[in-house]
C-alpha atoms as a PDB file:
ATOM      1  CA  MET A   1      28.482  73.955  57.333  1.00  0.00           C
ATOM      2  CA  PRO A   2      30.614  73.400  60.523  1.00  0.00           C
ATOM      3  CA  LEU A   3      28.522  73.065  63.734  1.00  0.00           C
ATOM      4  CA  ASN A   4      32.026  74.119  66.028  1.00  0.00           C
ATOM      5  CA  LYS A   5      35.420  75.197  65.946  1.00  0.00           C
ATOM      6  CA  LEU A   6      36.791  72.655  66.067  1.00  0.00           C
ATOM      7  CA  ASP A   7      35.416  70.677  63.244  1.00  0.00           C
ATOM      8  CA  ASN A   8      36.577  74.197  61.658  1.00  0.00           C
ATOM      9  CA  PHE A   9      40.220  73.238  62.772  1.00  0.00           C
ATOM     10  CA  ILE A  10      39.831  70.402  61.223  1.00  0.00           C
ATOM     11  CA  LYS A  11      38.908  70.637  57.644  1.00  0.00           C
ATOM     12  CA  ASN A  12      41.244  71.415  54.870  1.00  0.00           C
ATOM     13  CA  THR A  13      40.312  73.920  53.226  1.00  0.00           C
ATOM     14  CA  GLU A  14      41.795  73.615  50.194  1.00  0.00           C
ATOM     15  CA  GLY A  15      40.325  70.680  49.580  1.00  0.00           C
ATOM     16  CA  ARG A  16      43.919  68.733  48.631  1.00  0.00           C
ATOM     17  CA  ILE A  17      43.606  66.226  51.372  1.00  0.00           C
ATOM     18  CA  LEU A  18      41.526  63.392  51.327  1.00  0.00           C
ATOM     19  CA  TYR A  19      41.007  61.311  54.426  1.00  0.00           C
ATOM     20  CA  VAL A  20      40.175  57.292  54.381  1.00  0.00           C
ATOM     21  CA  SER A  21      39.359  55.793  57.736  1.00  0.00           C
ATOM     22  CA  PRO A  22      37.150  52.893  57.004  1.00  0.00           C
ATOM     23  CA  SER A  23      36.496  52.056  61.047  1.00  0.00           C
ATOM     24  CA  ASP A  24      35.391  55.185  61.465  1.00  0.00           C
ATOM     25  CA  LEU A  25      31.880  55.947  63.124  1.00  0.00           C
ATOM     26  CA  ASP A  26      31.120  58.977  61.028  1.00  0.00           C
ATOM     27  CA  SER A  27      33.029  57.839  57.658  1.00  0.00           C
ATOM     28  CA  THR A  28      30.574  57.615  54.388  1.00  0.00           C
ATOM     29  CA  ASP A  29      30.960  57.737  50.859  1.00  0.00           C
ATOM     30  CA  SER A  30      27.789  59.237  50.455  1.00  0.00           C
ATOM     31  CA  ILE A  31      27.566  61.915  47.478  1.00  0.00           C
ATOM     32  CA  THR A  32      27.532  64.921  49.770  1.00  0.00           C
ATOM     33  CA  ASN A  33      30.477  63.709  51.544  1.00  0.00           C
ATOM     34  CA  SER A  34      33.834  66.066  50.520  1.00  0.00           C
ATOM     35  CA  GLY A  35      36.286  64.008  52.455  1.00  0.00           C
ATOM     36  CA  ASN A  36      38.643  66.500  53.443  1.00  0.00           C
ATOM     37  CA  SER A  37      37.299  66.919  56.873  1.00  0.00           C
ATOM     38  CA  LEU A  38      38.969  64.362  59.776  1.00  0.00           C
ATOM     39  CA  ALA A  39      35.254  64.666  61.454  1.00  0.00           C
ATOM     40  CA  ARG A  40      33.605  63.153  57.999  1.00  0.00           C
ATOM     41  CA  PRO A  41      36.290  61.078  55.616  1.00  0.00           C
ATOM     42  CA  PHE A  42      35.735  57.968  53.208  1.00  0.00           C
ATOM     43  CA  LYS A  43      35.204  55.258  54.098  1.00  0.00           C
ATOM     44  CA  THR A  44      36.674  53.629  51.106  1.00  0.00           C
ATOM     45  CA  LEU A  45      40.093  53.972  48.938  1.00  0.00           C
ATOM     46  CA  GLN A  46      38.053  54.151  46.059  1.00  0.00           C
ATOM     47  CA  ARG A  47      35.364  56.483  47.137  1.00  0.00           C
ATOM     48  CA  ALA A  48      38.597  58.563  47.820  1.00  0.00           C
ATOM     49  CA  LEU A  49      40.090  57.811  44.363  1.00  0.00           C
ATOM     50  CA  ILE A  50      37.355  58.969  42.273  1.00  0.00           C
ATOM     51  CA  GLU A  51      37.459  62.390  44.058  1.00  0.00           C
ATOM     52  CA  SER A  52      41.030  62.535  43.502  1.00  0.00           C
ATOM     53  CA  ALA A  53      40.043  61.978  39.398  1.00  0.00           C
ATOM     54  CA  ARG A  54      37.950  64.541  39.501  1.00  0.00           C
ATOM     55  CA  PHE A  55      39.660  67.510  41.265  1.00  0.00           C
ATOM     56  CA  SER A  56      42.934  66.625  38.757  1.00  0.00           C
ATOM     57  CA  TYR A  57      40.590  66.975  35.668  1.00  0.00           C
ATOM     58  CA  VAL A  58      41.702  70.113  33.480  1.00  0.00           C
ATOM     59  CA  ARG A  59      40.206  70.134  30.250  1.00  0.00           C
ATOM     60  CA  GLY A  60      42.449  70.530  27.280  1.00  0.00           C
ATOM     61  CA  ARG A  61      45.388  69.142  25.735  1.00  0.00           C
ATOM     62  CA  ASN A  62      48.265  68.612  27.566  1.00  0.00           C
ATOM     63  CA  ASN A  63      47.065  68.816  31.075  1.00  0.00           C
ATOM     64  CA  ASP A  64      48.192  65.983  32.929  1.00  0.00           C
ATOM     65  CA  ILE A  65      47.969  67.533  36.242  1.00  0.00           C
ATOM     66  CA  THR A  66      49.913  65.662  39.016  1.00  0.00           C
ATOM     67  CA  GLU A  67      50.310  66.023  43.097  1.00  0.00           C
ATOM     68  CA  LYS A  68      47.499  67.853  43.108  1.00  0.00           C
ATOM     69  CA  THR A  69      45.572  65.676  46.201  1.00  0.00           C
ATOM     70  CA  THR A  70      46.813  63.465  48.385  1.00  0.00           C
ATOM     71  CA  ILE A  71      44.822  60.926  50.376  1.00  0.00           C
ATOM     72  CA  LEU A  72      45.418  59.871  53.710  1.00  0.00           C
ATOM     73  CA  LEU A  73      45.064  56.373  54.799  1.00  0.00           C
ATOM     74  CA  MET A  74      44.017  56.145  58.953  1.00  0.00           C
ATOM     75  CA  PRO A  75      44.201  52.366  60.138  1.00  0.00           C
ATOM     76  CA  GLY A  76      42.334  50.119  59.674  1.00  0.00           C
ATOM     77  CA  ASP A  77      41.149  47.192  57.002  1.00  0.00           C
ATOM     78  CA  HIS A  78      41.238  48.503  53.463  1.00  0.00           C
ATOM     79  CA  ILE A  79      38.962  46.643  51.579  1.00  0.00           C
ATOM     80  CA  ILE A  80      39.293  46.702  47.795  1.00  0.00           C
ATOM     81  CA  ASP A  81      36.684  45.762  45.091  1.00  0.00           C
ATOM     82  CA  ASN A  82      38.213  44.804  42.111  1.00  0.00           C
END
């Protein structure tokens, strides 16, 4: 739950934009983090990709949904563990 009006302002309520900032002190890949707020972005791109895939999943046939989410990368060193 947001603590102040600023958190409400910078949070994406639709969940379509996921933020990634490896250098932010409040960034985390915790399971409780939804990544849709500039106040608590994801730490890694991999976590944002997992959440993006989870949002776009629809059961059934012919269910390819594209352009459902946007991942916004903040400046910093992004390391991909392959």
